[in-house]
Protein backbone atom coordinates (compact mmCIF):
# COMPACT_ATOMS: atom_id res chain seq x y z
CA MET A 1 -13.40 -166.06 -33.85
CA ASP A 2 -15.25 -168.38 -36.25
CA ASP A 3 -15.45 -167.13 -39.84
CA TRP A 4 -13.30 -164.18 -38.88
CA ASN A 5 -12.50 -161.88 -41.76
CA TYR A 6 -10.07 -159.03 -41.26
CA PHE A 7 -11.47 -157.12 -44.20
CA SER A 8 -15.21 -157.20 -43.76
CA TYR A 9 -16.15 -157.22 -40.06
CA TYR A 10 -16.76 -153.47 -39.76
CA SER A 11 -17.99 -152.89 -43.30
CA GLU A 12 -20.55 -155.71 -43.11
CA ILE A 13 -21.93 -154.51 -39.79
CA GLU A 14 -22.07 -150.95 -41.08
CA GLU A 15 -23.83 -151.94 -44.32
CA TYR A 16 -26.26 -154.24 -42.51
CA PHE A 17 -27.15 -151.49 -40.05
CA TRP A 18 -27.68 -149.07 -42.95
CA LYS A 19 -30.07 -151.49 -44.63
CA LYS A 20 -32.03 -152.12 -41.45
CA ARG A 21 -32.24 -148.41 -40.74
CA GLY A 22 -33.21 -147.60 -44.31
CA ALA A 23 -30.75 -144.74 -44.67
CA HIS A 24 -27.20 -144.71 -45.97
CA LEU A 25 -25.78 -142.41 -43.31
CA LEU A 26 -22.31 -142.19 -41.83
CA VAL A 27 -21.81 -144.36 -38.77
CA SER A 28 -21.08 -142.18 -35.74
CA PRO A 29 -17.88 -142.32 -33.64
CA LEU A 30 -19.98 -143.93 -30.92
CA ASP A 31 -21.10 -146.69 -33.31
CA TRP A 32 -17.50 -147.33 -34.37
CA ALA A 33 -16.47 -147.55 -30.73
CA ILE A 34 -19.22 -150.11 -30.10
CA MET A 35 -18.14 -152.19 -33.10
CA GLU A 36 -14.59 -152.13 -31.80
CA THR A 37 -15.68 -153.47 -28.42
CA TRP A 38 -17.42 -156.36 -30.21
CA GLN A 39 -14.33 -157.03 -32.29
CA LYS A 40 -12.07 -156.94 -29.23
CA ALA A 41 -14.41 -159.37 -27.45
CA ASP A 42 -14.31 -161.74 -30.46
CA VAL A 43 -18.06 -161.45 -31.02
CA PRO A 44 -18.76 -163.36 -34.27
CA LEU A 45 -20.16 -161.39 -37.17
CA SER A 46 -23.11 -163.78 -37.31
CA ALA A 47 -24.01 -162.93 -33.70
CA VAL A 48 -23.76 -159.21 -34.39
CA LEU A 49 -26.12 -159.40 -37.35
CA LYS A 50 -28.54 -161.63 -35.43
CA GLY A 51 -28.50 -159.20 -32.51
CA ILE A 52 -29.16 -156.24 -34.80
CA ASP A 53 -32.17 -158.06 -36.24
CA ARG A 54 -33.55 -158.71 -32.76
CA ALA A 55 -32.93 -155.14 -31.62
CA PHE A 56 -34.78 -153.71 -34.61
CA GLU A 57 -37.70 -156.08 -34.03
CA SER A 58 -37.87 -155.03 -30.38
CA TYR A 59 -37.54 -151.34 -31.24
CA GLN A 60 -40.29 -151.50 -33.85
CA ARG A 61 -42.64 -153.09 -31.33
CA SER A 62 -41.95 -150.34 -28.81
CA ARG A 63 -43.62 -146.95 -28.67
CA ARG A 64 -40.37 -145.25 -29.57
CA GLY A 65 -40.24 -147.17 -32.82
CA ALA A 66 -43.44 -145.62 -34.15
CA GLY A 67 -42.24 -143.59 -37.14
CA ARG A 68 -38.80 -142.95 -35.67
CA PRO A 69 -35.65 -144.65 -37.02
CA LEU A 70 -33.27 -146.46 -34.71
CA LYS A 71 -30.26 -144.15 -34.71
CA SER A 72 -27.43 -146.00 -33.01
CA LEU A 73 -25.89 -149.43 -32.57
CA ALA A 74 -25.94 -148.69 -28.84
CA TYR A 75 -29.56 -149.87 -28.79
CA CYS A 76 -28.38 -153.24 -30.14
CA THR A 77 -25.71 -154.01 -27.53
CA ASP A 78 -27.74 -156.27 -25.26
CA ALA A 79 -29.22 -158.23 -28.17
CA VAL A 80 -25.79 -158.70 -29.77
CA LEU A 81 -24.20 -159.97 -26.58
CA GLU A 82 -27.16 -162.26 -25.98
CA ALA A 83 -26.80 -163.71 -29.49
CA ALA A 84 -23.06 -164.16 -28.94
CA GLU A 85 -23.69 -166.10 -25.72
CA GLU A 86 -26.20 -168.31 -27.51
CA GLU A 87 -23.71 -169.11 -30.27
CA LYS A 88 -21.03 -169.81 -27.71
CA ALA A 89 -23.32 -172.20 -25.82
CA ALA A 90 -24.37 -173.93 -29.04
CA ALA A 91 -20.74 -174.43 -30.01
CA ALA A 92 -19.69 -175.78 -26.60
CA GLY A 93 -17.94 -179.09 -26.98
CA ALA A 94 -17.30 -178.63 -30.67
CA ALA A 95 -13.67 -178.38 -31.69
CA PRO A 96 -12.96 -175.10 -33.50
CA PRO A 97 -11.50 -175.38 -36.98
CA LYS A 98 -7.74 -175.15 -36.92
CA LYS A 99 -6.33 -172.29 -38.93
CA THR A 100 -3.05 -173.07 -40.60
CA GLY A 101 -0.29 -170.62 -41.34
CA ALA A 102 -0.80 -171.20 -45.04
CA ALA A 103 -4.47 -170.17 -44.76
CA ALA A 104 -3.50 -166.99 -42.96
CA GLU A 105 -0.84 -166.31 -45.56
CA GLU A 106 -3.36 -166.51 -48.38
CA SER A 107 -5.48 -163.77 -46.82
CA PHE A 108 -2.75 -161.12 -47.11
CA SER A 109 -0.85 -159.97 -50.15
CA ARG A 110 2.66 -158.85 -49.23
CA ASP A 111 2.42 -156.01 -51.72
CA ALA A 112 -0.83 -154.85 -50.11
CA LEU A 113 0.77 -155.09 -46.66
CA ARG A 114 3.74 -153.01 -47.82
CA ALA A 115 1.36 -150.38 -49.12
CA TYR A 116 -0.58 -150.45 -45.82
CA PHE A 117 2.61 -150.01 -43.80
CA GLY A 118 3.74 -147.24 -46.14
CA ARG A 119 0.50 -145.27 -45.74
CA ASN A 120 0.63 -145.57 -41.98
CA LEU A 121 4.28 -144.58 -41.81
CA GLU A 122 3.56 -141.49 -43.91
CA GLN A 123 0.69 -140.46 -41.61
CA LEU A 124 2.77 -141.01 -38.48
CA ARG A 125 5.71 -138.98 -39.79
CA SER A 126 3.48 -136.17 -41.01
CA ALA A 127 1.77 -136.02 -37.62
CA ALA A 128 5.14 -135.91 -35.85
CA GLU A 129 6.16 -132.93 -37.99
CA ARG A 130 2.90 -131.09 -37.25
CA LEU A 131 3.24 -131.77 -33.53
CA ALA A 132 6.89 -130.76 -33.23
CA ALA A 133 6.21 -127.13 -32.34
CA ALA A 134 3.13 -127.61 -30.14
CA SER A 135 4.14 -130.75 -28.26
CA SER A 136 7.69 -131.97 -28.72
CA GLU A 137 7.16 -134.87 -26.32
CA LEU A 138 4.14 -136.20 -28.18
CA ALA A 139 5.94 -135.71 -31.50
CA ALA A 140 8.83 -137.78 -30.16
CA ARG A 141 6.49 -140.57 -29.05
CA VAL A 142 4.83 -140.64 -32.48
CA ARG A 143 8.26 -140.84 -34.14
CA GLU A 144 9.16 -143.77 -31.88
CA VAL A 145 6.04 -145.62 -32.98
CA ALA A 146 6.91 -144.88 -36.62
CA GLN A 147 10.39 -146.31 -36.12
CA SER A 148 8.99 -149.45 -34.52
CA LEU A 149 6.47 -149.83 -37.33
CA GLU A 150 9.24 -149.54 -39.89
CA GLY A 151 11.14 -152.24 -38.01
CA SER A 152 8.09 -154.51 -38.10
CA LEU A 153 8.06 -154.21 -41.88
CA ALA A 154 11.05 -156.57 -41.85
CA LEU A 155 8.62 -159.38 -40.98
CA VAL A 156 6.77 -158.74 -44.22
CA GLU A 157 10.01 -158.72 -46.21
CA ALA A 158 11.44 -161.85 -44.58
CA PRO A 159 11.50 -165.00 -46.74
CA GLY A 160 9.36 -167.99 -45.82
CA MET A 161 5.87 -168.16 -44.42
CA LEU A 162 4.43 -164.89 -43.18
CA ASP A 163 3.48 -165.11 -39.49
CA ILE A 164 0.35 -162.97 -39.51
CA GLU A 165 -0.46 -163.63 -35.85
CA ASP A 166 2.94 -162.41 -34.66
CA LEU A 167 2.74 -159.38 -36.94
CA GLU A 168 -0.69 -158.53 -35.52
CA ARG A 169 0.63 -158.83 -31.95
CA ARG A 170 3.38 -156.34 -32.73
CA LEU A 171 0.98 -153.91 -34.38
CA THR A 172 -1.43 -154.16 -31.44
CA VAL A 173 1.41 -153.24 -29.07
CA LEU A 174 2.17 -150.18 -31.21
CA ASP A 175 -1.52 -149.21 -31.26
CA ASP A 176 -1.54 -149.44 -27.46
CA LYS A 177 1.63 -147.33 -27.16
CA LEU A 178 0.17 -144.68 -29.43
CA GLN A 179 -3.08 -144.62 -27.47
CA ALA A 180 -1.22 -144.26 -24.17
CA ALA A 181 0.83 -141.36 -25.53
CA LEU A 182 -2.21 -139.53 -26.88
CA THR A 183 -4.24 -140.01 -23.71
CA SER A 184 -1.46 -138.84 -21.41
CA LEU A 185 -0.15 -135.93 -23.51
CA ALA A 186 -3.27 -134.47 -25.15
CA SER A 187 -4.34 -131.12 -23.73
CA GLU A 188 -6.92 -130.92 -20.98
CA GLU A 189 -9.14 -128.79 -23.24
CA LEU A 190 -9.13 -131.42 -25.98
CA MET A 191 -9.84 -134.27 -23.57
CA LEU A 192 -12.65 -132.29 -21.96
CA GLY A 193 -14.21 -131.60 -25.35
CA ILE A 194 -14.08 -135.28 -26.30
CA ARG A 195 -15.59 -136.28 -22.96
CA ARG A 196 -18.46 -133.84 -23.47
CA GLU A 197 -19.07 -135.22 -26.95
CA LEU A 198 -19.02 -138.75 -25.55
CA ASP A 199 -21.49 -137.90 -22.80
CA ARG A 200 -23.89 -136.29 -25.29
CA GLN A 201 -23.86 -139.33 -27.55
CA LEU A 202 -24.05 -141.89 -24.75
CA SER A 203 -26.61 -140.18 -22.55
CA ALA A 204 -29.59 -142.03 -24.03
CA TYR A 205 -27.91 -145.44 -23.85
CA ARG A 206 -25.99 -145.57 -20.56
CA SER A 207 -28.82 -147.32 -18.76
CA LYS A 208 -28.90 -150.05 -21.43
CA MET A 209 -25.22 -151.01 -21.12
CA LYS A 210 -23.43 -153.05 -18.51
CA ALA A 211 -20.66 -151.22 -16.67
CA GLU A 212 -17.89 -153.25 -18.28
CA GLN A 213 -19.16 -152.70 -21.78
CA LEU A 214 -19.79 -149.03 -21.10
CA ALA A 215 -16.18 -148.62 -19.99
CA GLN A 216 -14.93 -150.35 -23.15
CA VAL A 217 -17.07 -148.17 -25.39
CA GLU A 218 -15.81 -145.04 -23.64
CA ARG A 219 -12.18 -146.09 -24.10
CA GLN A 220 -12.66 -146.93 -27.77
CA PHE A 221 -14.55 -143.69 -28.42
CA ILE A 222 -11.84 -141.56 -26.83
CA HIS A 223 -9.12 -143.44 -28.70
CA LYS A 224 -10.85 -143.00 -32.03
CA ARG A 225 -11.49 -139.29 -31.51
CA LEU A 226 -7.88 -138.66 -30.48
CA LEU A 227 -6.62 -140.40 -33.61
CA GLU A 228 -8.99 -138.31 -35.71
CA GLU A 229 -7.90 -135.12 -33.97
CA PHE A 230 -4.21 -135.76 -34.63
CA ARG A 231 -4.79 -137.42 -38.04
CA LEU A 232 -3.13 -140.64 -36.96
CA PRO A 233 -3.83 -144.15 -38.31
CA ARG A 234 -4.86 -147.38 -36.63
CA LEU A 235 -2.05 -149.87 -37.16
CA SER A 236 -3.73 -153.21 -36.43
CA LEU A 237 -4.48 -155.52 -39.33
CA TYR A 238 -8.15 -155.27 -38.34
CA TYR A 239 -8.04 -151.95 -40.23
CA PHE A 240 -6.09 -153.32 -43.18
CA CYS A 241 -7.86 -152.76 -46.47
């Protein structure tokens, strides 16, 4: 993604949306899920901000916009994807800037990465201890992820150039393993409660989303809520701060 920045993608979208909305309120789990679908689809930050602008302009012209604030990023999805397609078309034929390993290296302090790994390891191990009595199988899966994460720390400690892309691939695999374990082993009652919450938040926006995007938002929402429920971290460097 052009001008990609691991540190600011979510925070800049969140802050921009706050400013447009005129209220410094917490972004909802649904909004975070939507931002994650944009990140996963490599939607440039510039396209997201442009789409938000257009969505607010459209909303303010509509009857619904009369004296009522726009509450969710869900209203912006079509405009953001449209802006992303326009940027993609405009860039067609242009060679993307090549990112060197040295440039990637400069973006990440090894000390900061060690601290990030340490925080995540502590959360994973604490969660495994809490889960031991209620769900020994899930506790074991969380411990396995913790062990793999600790093994990946060797890449940070290794001499020579730090291969950020390979490290991110490994962390993404661990995120996926953790998600699969939570989805398959969480109780039916918990999953039902999350589904109900999702349906309540999405009900006003389902008709505005394409089926593929809707499915992505649902997956990201469920993943985020499960992590919150079990107090587990995201491991990808997209959440590194």
